């Protein structure tokens, strides 16, 4: 069953069938050929896969992010980020990175952040003589923080699949998200002079100013902070509500929508009916795409389980070693390869039921495992040959995908070093959840 499921899926992907349809077709074909299971049960599994109440948080958080963007948050957060890091080496690239942290706490989706931020920041970077390839690489690498930073759509999916507390997962992502952004800023600082600019810019610009926002154009911090503060408070409202038991993670998503409406209508006063309708339309398209993949992936995962693939993989892994450190290294390799080819949420639903019992039996904390899986699949967004995030940013930058890959290697290397830290120092992820349990 396992080889046929994988073979069917890869064949469909080679034919460029969309991921959701490829997963569903692979599952139905395997069930029809390898089993006598009525296909109606497959349809029931698809419906059952997207009915858990906790999944309602996904469309609500996406809608909250869409409303905040429509209400004028993008410009304010970019201005705040520029006021903080615009004077650093590679100032606009640093602004790009820091903005991803701010937006990650609103949208929860890396692809959504690239779509909204990339169209503004890539063009701005090119106007400041950054190379198009480097602009695309930075814009693709920075939003990987979105699936790590709460409210993360990928963490919600992991929590639903494994039964792990979504609230604990949200808190576990805060320190890793900040660490990733710090490491990315160091990478920009080290690479921007040698790789970031066109040769003409390096030759014709004062070295003391290259890549920085000119002092006359740089916004001041305190006047920039006040307009951005309502948006920055949204993640804090969500986390505080979950922490003090005011609402569940799903109810927090509904609160986020109401909060976004209040900010857009009464504080920023930029949210018109036309913008609101546009936000609903864009959010609906994104939700439809995500839920189609989730539903099909649930069927695929059920087919894998029916074929005893998780048990077979567990036996194979334990036959090699029972050392959790070695198991985690093997799992990292597996997840990175999967993330290169499969959409993150689909990969999570397919792989997690296989890995979760193996690693928790070996003593890995479920919350820590969730962060490891999310980080792995995030890195897969910028790794060739697919690299969905890098592909999207290269299209926005109007540069070849190959050139973007060459410029992205320092950031991929940073991501891999970061992954090792997250994997083998569990306290990075478990520090805040342990404080919650202690209190």
Protein backbone atom coordinates (compact mmCIF):
# COMPACT_ATOMS: atom_id res chain seq x y z
CA UNK A 1 0.00 0.00 0.00
CA UNK A 2 2.74 2.48 0.97
CA UNK A 3 4.76 2.29 -2.29
CA UNK A 4 1.60 2.58 -4.38
CA UNK A 5 0.38 5.62 -2.44
CA UNK A 6 3.75 7.33 -2.80
CA UNK A 7 4.11 6.35 -6.45
CA UNK A 8 0.63 7.58 -7.36
CA UNK A 9 1.24 10.88 -5.61
CA UNK A 10 4.63 11.50 -7.24
CA UNK A 11 3.21 10.59 -10.67
CA UNK A 12 0.37 13.07 -10.21
CA UNK A 13 2.83 15.76 -9.11
CA UNK A 14 4.96 15.14 -12.21
CA UNK A 15 1.82 15.76 -14.27
CA UNK A 16 1.47 19.06 -12.35
CA UNK A 17 -1.80 18.06 -10.71
CA UNK A 18 -2.50 20.45 -7.79
CA UNK A 19 -1.38 19.04 -4.44
CA UNK A 20 -4.86 18.55 -2.98
CA UNK A 21 -6.16 16.70 -6.03
CA UNK A 22 -2.94 14.68 -6.29
CA UNK A 23 -3.33 13.43 -2.71
CA UNK A 24 -6.99 12.54 -3.20
CA UNK A 25 -6.43 10.75 -6.52
CA UNK A 26 -3.43 8.82 -5.15
CA UNK A 27 -5.52 7.67 -2.19
CA UNK A 28 -8.59 6.62 -4.17
CA UNK A 29 -6.55 4.73 -6.77
CA UNK A 30 -4.59 2.85 -4.09
CA UNK A 31 -7.75 1.99 -2.14
CA UNK A 32 -9.50 0.80 -5.31
CA UNK A 33 -6.61 -1.43 -6.45
CA UNK A 34 -5.12 -2.67 -3.17
CA UNK A 35 -8.21 -3.06 -0.98
CA UNK A 36 -11.90 -3.86 -1.17
CA UNK A 37 -12.79 -0.72 0.82
CA UNK A 38 -15.89 1.03 -0.60
CA UNK A 39 -14.88 4.38 -2.10
CA UNK A 40 -17.75 6.02 -0.23
CA UNK A 41 -15.71 5.53 2.96
CA UNK A 42 -12.92 7.56 1.35
CA UNK A 43 -15.37 10.41 0.76
CA UNK A 44 -16.49 10.15 4.38
CA UNK A 45 -12.87 10.39 5.54
CA UNK A 46 -12.40 13.57 3.51
CA UNK A 47 -15.40 15.18 5.20
CA UNK A 48 -14.42 13.91 8.63
CA UNK A 49 -10.89 15.27 8.15
CA UNK A 50 -12.03 18.89 8.14
CA UNK A 51 -14.84 18.74 10.70
CA UNK A 52 -12.84 19.05 13.99
CA UNK A 53 -13.92 22.22 15.77
CA UNK A 54 -10.31 23.35 16.31
CA UNK A 55 -9.78 23.67 12.53
CA UNK A 56 -12.28 26.55 12.53
CA UNK A 57 -9.39 28.64 13.87
CA UNK A 58 -7.66 28.47 10.47
CA UNK A 59 -10.20 30.47 8.39
CA UNK A 60 -10.75 32.89 11.26
CA UNK A 61 -7.07 33.68 11.75
CA UNK A 62 -6.60 34.05 7.98
CA UNK A 63 -9.58 36.42 7.87
CA UNK A 64 -8.21 38.43 10.82
CA UNK A 65 -4.89 38.86 9.00
CA UNK A 66 -6.68 39.87 5.79
CA UNK A 67 -8.75 42.48 7.60
CA UNK A 68 -5.68 43.91 9.35
CA UNK A 69 -3.86 44.23 6.03
CA UNK A 70 -6.88 45.86 4.40
CA UNK A 71 -7.12 48.24 7.34
CA UNK A 72 -3.68 49.75 6.69
CA UNK A 73 -1.42 47.69 8.91
CA UNK A 74 1.21 46.94 6.24
CA UNK A 75 2.52 50.48 5.94
CA UNK A 76 2.62 51.04 9.69
CA UNK A 77 4.54 47.86 10.50
CA UNK A 78 7.03 48.48 7.72
CA UNK A 79 7.59 52.00 9.00
CA UNK A 80 8.17 50.69 12.53
CA UNK A 81 10.65 48.05 11.32
CA UNK A 82 12.53 50.65 9.27
CA UNK A 83 12.76 52.96 12.28
CA UNK A 84 14.39 50.15 14.30
CA UNK A 85 16.86 48.59 11.84
CA UNK A 86 16.95 50.92 8.85
CA UNK A 87 20.27 52.38 9.99
CA UNK A 88 21.99 48.99 10.23
CA UNK A 89 24.19 47.46 7.55
CA UNK A 90 21.78 46.25 4.87
CA UNK A 91 19.08 48.36 6.49
CA UNK A 92 16.24 47.66 4.05
CA UNK A 93 17.03 43.92 4.04
CA UNK A 94 16.99 44.03 7.86
CA UNK A 95 13.64 45.82 7.69
CA UNK A 96 12.39 43.00 5.49
CA UNK A 97 13.45 40.43 8.09
CA UNK A 98 12.01 42.27 11.10
CA UNK A 99 8.75 42.96 9.27
CA UNK A 100 8.30 39.21 8.82
CA UNK A 101 8.36 38.78 12.60
CA UNK A 102 5.66 41.43 13.03
CA UNK A 103 3.48 40.04 10.25
CA UNK A 104 4.01 36.44 11.35
CA UNK A 105 2.14 37.27 14.54
CA UNK A 106 -0.86 38.35 12.46
CA UNK A 107 -1.16 36.12 9.40
CA UNK A 108 0.28 32.75 10.53
CA UNK A 109 1.17 31.92 6.92
CA UNK A 110 4.53 32.32 5.17
CA UNK A 111 3.02 32.36 1.68
CA UNK A 112 0.50 35.04 2.70
CA UNK A 113 3.31 37.21 4.08
CA UNK A 114 5.35 36.91 0.88
CA UNK A 115 2.31 37.81 -1.22
CA UNK A 116 1.57 40.95 0.80
CA UNK A 117 5.04 42.11 1.88
CA UNK A 118 7.00 40.93 -1.13
CA UNK A 119 5.28 43.21 -3.61
CA UNK A 120 6.27 46.22 -1.50
CA UNK A 121 9.69 45.26 -0.15
CA UNK A 122 11.22 43.59 -3.20
CA UNK A 123 10.51 46.61 -5.37
CA UNK A 124 11.84 48.94 -2.65
CA UNK A 125 15.03 46.88 -2.32
CA UNK A 126 15.61 46.90 -6.07
CA UNK A 127 15.21 50.69 -6.09
CA UNK A 128 17.94 50.88 -3.43
CA UNK A 129 20.28 48.89 -5.73
CA UNK A 130 19.87 45.52 -4.04
CA UNK A 131 20.18 42.72 -6.58
CA UNK A 132 16.87 41.15 -7.58
CA UNK A 133 18.09 37.66 -6.62
CA UNK A 134 19.18 38.74 -3.13
CA UNK A 135 15.91 40.63 -2.63
CA UNK A 136 13.97 37.48 -3.53
CA UNK A 137 16.12 35.32 -1.23
CA UNK A 138 15.64 37.57 1.81
CA UNK A 139 11.91 37.93 1.15
CA UNK A 140 11.52 34.14 0.91
CA UNK A 141 13.65 33.28 3.95
CA UNK A 142 12.22 35.77 6.45
CA UNK A 143 8.52 34.69 6.41
CA UNK A 144 9.47 31.15 7.44
CA UNK A 145 9.02 32.62 10.92
CA UNK A 146 5.23 32.83 10.32
CA UNK A 147 4.51 29.10 10.86
CA UNK A 148 6.62 29.24 14.05
CA UNK A 149 5.19 32.45 15.51
CA UNK A 150 1.67 32.26 16.99
CA UNK A 151 -1.00 32.19 15.67
CA UNK A 152 0.47 29.54 13.35
CA UNK A 153 -1.84 27.68 10.99
CA UNK A 154 0.62 24.78 10.80
CA UNK A 155 0.68 24.46 14.60
CA UNK A 156 -3.11 24.36 14.68
CA UNK A 157 -3.06 21.47 12.20
CA UNK A 158 -0.40 19.65 14.24
CA UNK A 159 -2.41 20.13 17.42
CA UNK A 160 -5.55 18.73 15.80
CA UNK A 161 -3.73 15.72 14.31
CA UNK A 162 -1.87 14.77 17.51
CA UNK A 163 -4.15 16.06 20.25
CA UNK A 164 -1.39 18.33 21.58
CA UNK A 165 -2.44 21.56 23.29
CA UNK A 166 -2.55 24.32 20.68
CA UNK A 167 -2.05 26.88 23.42
CA UNK A 168 1.18 25.22 24.53
CA UNK A 169 2.33 25.04 20.90
CA UNK A 170 1.67 28.77 20.47
CA UNK A 171 3.75 29.63 23.52
CA UNK A 172 6.47 27.18 22.47
CA UNK A 173 6.93 29.03 19.19
CA UNK A 174 7.73 32.47 20.63
CA UNK A 175 11.38 31.98 21.64
CA UNK A 176 12.26 29.92 18.50
CA UNK A 177 10.70 32.62 16.29
CA UNK A 178 12.76 35.39 17.88
CA UNK A 179 15.91 33.25 17.65
CA UNK A 180 15.34 32.61 13.94
CA UNK A 181 14.91 36.31 13.18
CA UNK A 182 18.08 37.14 15.16
CA UNK A 183 20.09 34.54 13.22
CA UNK A 184 18.68 35.80 9.92
CA UNK A 185 19.69 39.36 10.77
CA UNK A 186 23.24 38.19 11.45
CA UNK A 187 23.23 36.42 8.08
CA UNK A 188 22.09 39.60 6.32
CA UNK A 189 24.82 41.57 8.09
CA UNK A 190 27.49 39.09 6.93
CA UNK A 191 26.31 38.64 3.35
CA UNK A 192 24.78 41.91 2.23
CA UNK A 193 28.05 43.60 1.18
CA UNK A 194 29.38 40.65 -0.82
CA UNK A 195 26.15 39.30 -2.34
CA UNK A 196 23.39 41.83 -1.88
CA UNK A 197 24.11 44.63 -4.32
CA UNK A 198 24.73 45.12 -7.98
CA UNK A 199 28.41 45.82 -8.81
CA UNK A 200 27.50 49.31 -10.00
CA UNK A 201 25.95 50.15 -6.63
CA UNK A 202 29.03 48.98 -4.75
CA UNK A 203 31.31 51.02 -6.99
CA UNK A 204 29.28 54.23 -7.00
CA UNK A 205 27.90 54.48 -3.47
CA UNK A 206 29.51 55.67 -0.26
CA UNK A 207 30.41 52.43 1.64
CA UNK A 208 29.18 53.99 4.87
CA UNK A 209 25.68 54.41 3.43
CA UNK A 210 25.24 51.42 1.14
CA UNK A 211 22.14 49.42 1.99
CA UNK A 212 21.03 51.77 4.76
CA UNK A 213 17.96 53.93 4.80
CA UNK A 214 19.28 57.51 4.42
CA UNK A 215 19.01 59.37 7.75
CA UNK A 216 16.76 62.01 6.22
CA UNK A 217 14.29 59.32 5.08
CA UNK A 218 14.49 57.13 8.18
CA UNK A 219 11.34 57.30 10.34
CA UNK A 220 11.68 57.98 14.06
CA UNK A 221 10.94 55.14 16.45
CA UNK A 222 8.40 56.56 18.90
CA UNK A 223 6.17 58.23 16.28
CA UNK A 224 6.27 54.91 14.36
CA UNK A 225 5.51 52.73 17.36
CA UNK A 226 2.22 54.34 18.35
CA UNK A 227 0.39 53.72 15.03
CA UNK A 228 1.68 50.14 14.87
CA UNK A 229 0.88 49.30 18.48
CA UNK A 230 -2.74 48.13 17.94
CA UNK A 231 -1.55 45.56 15.41
CA UNK A 232 1.35 44.41 17.59
CA UNK A 233 -1.06 43.85 20.46
CA UNK A 234 -3.11 41.27 18.52
CA UNK A 235 -0.78 38.30 19.26
CA UNK A 236 -0.56 39.42 22.90
CA UNK A 237 -4.36 39.48 23.17
CA UNK A 238 -4.51 35.95 21.74
CA UNK A 239 -1.79 34.56 24.02
CA UNK A 240 -3.10 36.33 27.13
CA UNK A 241 -6.61 35.03 26.51
CA UNK A 242 -5.37 31.47 26.11
CA UNK A 243 -3.02 31.73 29.09
CA UNK A 244 -5.65 33.03 31.53
CA UNK A 245 -8.41 30.75 30.25
CA UNK A 246 -10.61 33.49 28.81
CA UNK A 247 -11.03 31.55 25.57
CA UNK A 248 -9.73 28.53 23.69
CA UNK A 249 -7.44 28.77 20.66
CA UNK A 250 -10.45 28.48 18.34
CA UNK A 251 -12.37 31.16 20.22
CA UNK A 252 -9.20 33.28 20.15
CA UNK A 253 -9.43 33.26 16.35
CA UNK A 254 -12.95 34.71 16.50
CA UNK A 255 -11.74 37.33 18.98
CA UNK A 256 -8.93 38.17 16.55
CA UNK A 257 -11.46 38.85 13.77
CA UNK A 258 -13.49 41.17 16.00
CA UNK A 259 -10.30 42.91 17.17
CA UNK A 260 -9.14 43.39 13.57
CA UNK A 261 -12.50 44.90 12.62
CA UNK A 262 -12.41 47.32 15.56
CA UNK A 263 -8.85 48.41 14.77
CA UNK A 264 -9.55 48.87 11.06
CA UNK A 265 -12.84 50.72 11.53
CA UNK A 266 -12.31 52.85 14.64
CA UNK A 267 -8.55 53.23 15.22
CA UNK A 268 -6.96 53.27 11.75
CA UNK A 269 -10.24 54.27 10.07
CA UNK A 270 -9.04 52.96 6.72
CA UNK A 271 -11.30 49.89 6.45
CA UNK A 272 -14.02 50.62 3.89
CA UNK A 273 -16.76 48.27 2.71
CA UNK A 274 -14.90 47.77 -0.57
CA UNK A 275 -11.67 46.83 1.24
CA UNK A 276 -13.59 44.56 3.61
CA UNK A 277 -15.23 42.68 0.74
CA UNK A 278 -11.83 42.33 -0.93
CA UNK A 279 -10.35 40.96 2.32
CA UNK A 280 -13.17 38.41 2.59
CA UNK A 281 -12.67 37.36 -1.04
CA UNK A 282 -8.89 36.91 -0.73
CA UNK A 283 -9.23 35.09 2.60
CA UNK A 284 -11.88 32.77 1.15
CA UNK A 285 -9.60 31.76 -1.72
CA UNK A 286 -6.73 31.03 0.64
CA UNK A 287 -8.97 29.10 3.04
CA UNK A 288 -10.39 27.06 0.17
CA UNK A 289 -6.92 26.08 -1.01
CA UNK A 290 -5.73 25.15 2.47
CA UNK A 291 -8.84 23.18 3.43
CA UNK A 292 -8.80 21.23 0.14
CA UNK A 293 -5.23 20.15 0.87
CA UNK A 294 -6.06 19.33 4.49
CA UNK A 295 -9.09 17.24 3.53
CA UNK A 296 -7.21 15.27 0.87
CA UNK A 297 -4.21 14.84 3.17
CA UNK A 298 -6.47 13.39 5.88
CA UNK A 299 -7.65 10.74 3.40
CA UNK A 300 -4.07 10.02 2.36
CA UNK A 301 -2.99 9.71 5.99
CA UNK A 302 -5.88 7.34 6.72
CA UNK A 303 -4.90 5.20 3.73
CA UNK A 304 -1.32 5.06 5.00
CA UNK A 305 -2.51 3.99 8.43
CA UNK A 306 -4.82 1.37 6.92
CA UNK A 307 -1.82 -0.05 5.07
CA UNK A 308 0.16 -0.24 8.35
CA UNK A 309 2.78 2.14 6.98
CA UNK A 310 3.37 3.88 10.38
CA UNK A 311 4.03 0.54 12.06
CA UNK A 312 6.38 -0.53 9.27
CA UNK A 313 8.33 2.75 9.46
CA UNK A 314 8.52 2.51 13.26
CA UNK A 315 9.91 -1.01 13.10
CA UNK A 316 12.44 0.04 10.44
CA UNK A 317 13.64 3.04 12.46
CA UNK A 318 13.91 1.13 15.74
CA UNK A 319 15.79 -1.63 13.94
CA UNK A 320 18.47 0.95 13.10
CA UNK A 321 18.65 2.67 16.49
CA UNK A 322 16.60 3.50 19.58
CA UNK A 323 18.75 6.51 20.45
CA UNK A 324 16.41 9.55 20.34
CA UNK A 325 19.23 11.85 19.16
CA UNK A 326 19.94 9.65 16.14
CA UNK A 327 16.23 9.19 15.49
CA UNK A 328 15.75 12.96 15.45
CA UNK A 329 18.54 13.35 12.89
CA UNK A 330 16.94 10.73 10.65
CA UNK A 331 13.55 12.41 11.05
CA UNK A 332 15.03 15.80 10.17
CA UNK A 333 16.42 14.41 6.92
CA UNK A 334 13.06 12.82 6.10
CA UNK A 335 11.11 16.01 6.82
CA UNK A 336 13.44 18.29 4.87
CA UNK A 337 13.14 16.05 1.81
CA UNK A 338 9.35 15.95 2.21
CA UNK A 339 9.18 19.72 2.59
CA UNK A 340 11.02 20.14 -0.72
CA UNK A 341 8.16 18.54 -2.63
CA UNK A 342 4.95 18.67 -0.58
CA UNK A 343 2.94 21.62 0.76
CA UNK A 344 3.67 22.07 4.46
CA UNK A 345 0.22 21.33 5.90
CA UNK A 346 -0.25 18.31 3.65
CA UNK A 347 3.19 16.96 4.59
CA UNK A 348 2.42 17.47 8.26
CA UNK A 349 -0.84 15.49 8.10
CA UNK A 350 0.77 12.70 6.08
CA UNK A 351 3.99 12.33 8.08
CA UNK A 352 2.99 13.18 11.64
CA UNK A 353 0.86 10.05 12.25
CA UNK A 354 3.90 8.02 11.15
CA UNK A 355 6.50 9.82 13.26
CA UNK A 356 4.52 10.86 16.33
CA UNK A 357 4.19 7.41 17.97
CA UNK A 358 7.80 6.54 17.17
CA UNK A 359 9.36 9.67 18.65
CA UNK A 360 7.08 10.06 21.65
CA UNK A 361 7.82 6.41 22.51
CA UNK A 362 11.52 7.35 22.36
CA UNK A 363 10.93 10.12 24.89
CA UNK A 364 10.57 13.21 22.68
CA UNK A 365 8.14 15.78 24.10
CA UNK A 366 5.07 16.22 21.83
CA UNK A 367 5.32 20.03 21.95
CA UNK A 368 9.04 19.95 21.13
CA UNK A 369 8.34 17.52 18.27
CA UNK A 370 5.73 19.93 16.93
CA UNK A 371 8.26 22.76 16.76
CA UNK A 372 10.80 20.46 15.06
CA UNK A 373 8.27 19.43 12.39
CA UNK A 374 7.09 22.99 11.78
CA UNK A 375 10.67 24.30 11.44
CA UNK A 376 11.61 21.48 9.07
CA UNK A 377 8.66 22.10 6.79
CA UNK A 378 9.33 25.83 6.91
CA UNK A 379 12.88 25.32 5.67
CA UNK A 380 11.43 23.20 2.89
CA UNK A 381 9.69 26.32 1.60
CA UNK A 382 13.04 27.75 0.42
CA UNK A 383 14.93 24.60 -0.54
CA UNK A 384 15.18 23.45 -4.17
CA UNK A 385 13.95 21.84 -6.35
CA UNK A 386 10.47 23.18 -5.46
CA UNK A 387 10.81 25.78 -2.67
CA UNK A 388 7.34 27.33 -2.95
CA UNK A 389 8.26 30.48 -1.00
CA UNK A 390 11.43 31.07 -3.00
CA UNK A 391 9.60 30.43 -6.25
CA UNK A 392 6.90 32.97 -5.37
CA UNK A 393 9.39 35.66 -4.32
CA UNK A 394 11.49 35.11 -7.47
CA UNK A 395 8.38 35.64 -9.59
CA UNK A 396 7.62 38.88 -7.76
CA UNK A 397 11.26 40.00 -8.18
CA UNK A 398 11.20 39.02 -11.89
CA UNK A 399 14.39 36.99 -11.53
CA UNK A 400 15.10 33.39 -12.52
CA UNK A 401 14.51 30.71 -9.91
CA UNK A 402 18.08 29.45 -10.37
CA UNK A 403 19.50 32.91 -9.53
CA UNK A 404 17.28 33.11 -6.46
CA UNK A 405 18.50 29.68 -5.30
CA UNK A 406 22.13 30.79 -5.61
CA UNK A 407 21.43 33.91 -3.54
CA UNK A 408 19.46 31.92 -0.94
CA UNK A 409 22.21 29.44 0.04
CA UNK A 410 23.46 31.48 3.04
CA UNK A 411 19.90 31.64 4.37
CA UNK A 412 19.31 27.92 3.79
CA UNK A 413 22.53 27.19 5.70
CA UNK A 414 21.37 29.46 8.52
CA UNK A 415 18.07 27.61 8.58
CA UNK A 416 19.82 24.25 8.90
CA UNK A 417 22.01 25.50 11.77
CA UNK A 418 18.89 26.87 13.43
CA UNK A 419 17.17 23.51 12.96
CA UNK A 420 20.00 21.74 14.78
CA UNK A 421 19.70 24.15 17.70
CA UNK A 422 15.94 23.67 17.91
CA UNK A 423 16.28 19.88 17.65
CA UNK A 424 19.01 19.28 20.21
CA UNK A 425 18.30 22.07 22.70
CA UNK A 426 14.64 21.40 23.58
CA UNK A 427 14.67 24.12 26.26
CA UNK A 428 14.46 26.72 23.47
CA UNK A 429 10.97 25.45 22.65
CA UNK A 430 9.86 24.22 26.06
CA UNK A 431 10.97 27.18 28.18
CA UNK A 432 7.71 29.15 28.05
CA UNK A 433 5.36 26.11 28.16
CA UNK A 434 7.20 24.85 31.25
CA UNK A 435 6.73 28.25 32.89
CA UNK A 436 3.00 28.02 32.15
CA UNK A 437 2.75 24.59 33.75
CA UNK A 438 4.79 25.72 36.76
CA UNK A 439 2.51 28.69 37.35
